[in-house]
Amino acid sequence: MIVARAEFKTLLKGVSDKRVAIQLAADAEWPHTREENYGVRKEFVLPAKQPAKV
């Protein structure tokens, strides 16, 4: 049981790290400072008018 929990925590950390990387990449590609990016940012569930909080 302890091994399974440790493996789960490792997997969860990996998913979380990848989510942050994707958010930062989307912020870089579609900056919040350009109004035409609001729709794309919404698809990534990023705030339209401010950078993502990580």
C-alpha atoms as a PDB file:
ATOM      1  CA  MET A   1       0.000   0.000   0.000  1.00  0.00           C
ATOM      2  CA  ILE A   2       2.827   2.401   0.843  1.00  0.00           C
ATOM      3  CA  VAL A   3       4.511   1.687  -2.499  1.00  0.00           C
ATOM      4  CA  ALA A   4       1.285   2.404  -4.399  1.00  0.00           C
ATOM      5  CA  ARG A   5       0.874   5.724  -2.587  1.00  0.00           C
ATOM      6  CA  ALA A   6       4.459   6.734  -3.370  1.00  0.00           C
ATOM      7  CA  GLU A   7       3.970   5.811  -7.032  1.00  0.00           C
ATOM      8  CA  PHE A   8       0.739   7.786  -7.129  1.00  0.00           C
ATOM      9  CA  LYS A   9       2.428  10.870  -5.640  1.00  0.00           C
ATOM     10  CA  THR A  10       5.211  10.580  -8.228  1.00  0.00           C
ATOM     11  CA  LEU A  11       2.709  10.338 -11.078  1.00  0.00           C
ATOM     12  CA  LEU A  12       0.680  13.245  -9.707  1.00  0.00           C
ATOM     13  CA  LYS A  13       3.798  15.417  -9.485  1.00  0.00           C
ATOM     14  CA  GLY A  14       4.648  14.578 -13.108  1.00  0.00           C
ATOM     15  CA  VAL A  15       1.154  15.544 -14.289  1.00  0.00           C
ATOM     16  CA  SER A  16       1.285  18.779 -12.315  1.00  0.00           C
ATOM     17  CA  ASP A  17       4.701  19.695 -13.737  1.00  0.00           C
ATOM     18  CA  LYS A  18       3.499  19.049 -17.294  1.00  0.00           C
ATOM     19  CA  ARG A  19       0.377  21.140 -16.717  1.00  0.00           C
ATOM     20  CA  VAL A  20       2.515  24.087 -15.617  1.00  0.00           C
ATOM     21  CA  ALA A  21       4.787  23.650 -18.639  1.00  0.00           C
ATOM     22  CA  ILE A  22       1.777  23.677 -20.968  1.00  0.00           C
ATOM     23  CA  GLN A  23       0.360  26.792 -19.299  1.00  0.00           C
ATOM     24  CA  LEU A  24       3.670  28.629 -19.577  1.00  0.00           C
ATOM     25  CA  ALA A  25       4.013  27.622 -23.232  1.00  0.00           C
ATOM     26  CA  ALA A  26       0.474  28.839 -23.975  1.00  0.00           C
ATOM     27  CA  ASP A  27       1.241  32.119 -22.175  1.00  0.00           C
ATOM     28  CA  ALA A  28       4.342  32.561 -24.322  1.00  0.00           C
ATOM     29  CA  GLU A  29       2.560  31.709 -27.589  1.00  0.00           C
ATOM     30  CA  TRP A  30      -0.654  33.624 -26.894  1.00  0.00           C
ATOM     31  CA  PRO A  31       0.186  36.492 -24.488  1.00  0.00           C
ATOM     32  CA  HIS A  32      -2.559  38.017 -22.361  1.00  0.00           C
ATOM     33  CA  THR A  33      -1.576  41.477 -23.576  1.00  0.00           C
ATOM     34  CA  ARG A  34      -3.079  40.900 -27.043  1.00  0.00           C
ATOM     35  CA  GLU A  35      -6.866  41.012 -27.221  1.00  0.00           C
ATOM     36  CA  GLU A  36      -7.036  38.689 -30.241  1.00  0.00           C
ATOM     37  CA  ASN A  37      -5.652  35.885 -28.037  1.00  0.00           C
ATOM     38  CA  TYR A  38      -8.557  35.897 -25.586  1.00  0.00           C
ATOM     39  CA  GLY A  39     -10.432  33.080 -27.373  1.00  0.00           C
ATOM     40  CA  VAL A  40      -7.404  30.794 -27.571  1.00  0.00           C
ATOM     41  CA  ARG A  41      -6.528  31.495 -23.950  1.00  0.00           C
ATOM     42  CA  LYS A  42     -10.067  30.545 -22.957  1.00  0.00           C
ATOM     43  CA  GLU A  43      -9.621  27.173 -24.690  1.00  0.00           C
ATOM     44  CA  PHE A  44      -6.553  26.560 -22.499  1.00  0.00           C
ATOM     45  CA  VAL A  45      -8.517  27.722 -19.447  1.00  0.00           C
ATOM     46  CA  LEU A  46      -6.078  30.609 -19.011  1.00  0.00           C
ATOM     47  CA  PRO A  47      -7.156  34.022 -17.764  1.00  0.00           C
ATOM     48  CA  ALA A  48      -7.869  36.265 -20.761  1.00  0.00           C
ATOM     49  CA  LYS A  49      -6.390  39.460 -19.344  1.00  0.00           C
ATOM     50  CA  GLN A  50      -3.561  38.302 -17.089  1.00  0.00           C
ATOM     51  CA  PRO A  51      -0.799  35.685 -17.157  1.00  0.00           C
ATOM     52  CA  ALA A  52      -1.559  32.251 -15.759  1.00  0.00           C
ATOM     53  CA  LYS A  53      -0.960  31.754 -12.063  1.00  0.00           C
ATOM     54  CA  VAL A  54       1.407  28.879 -11.429  1.00  0.00           C
END
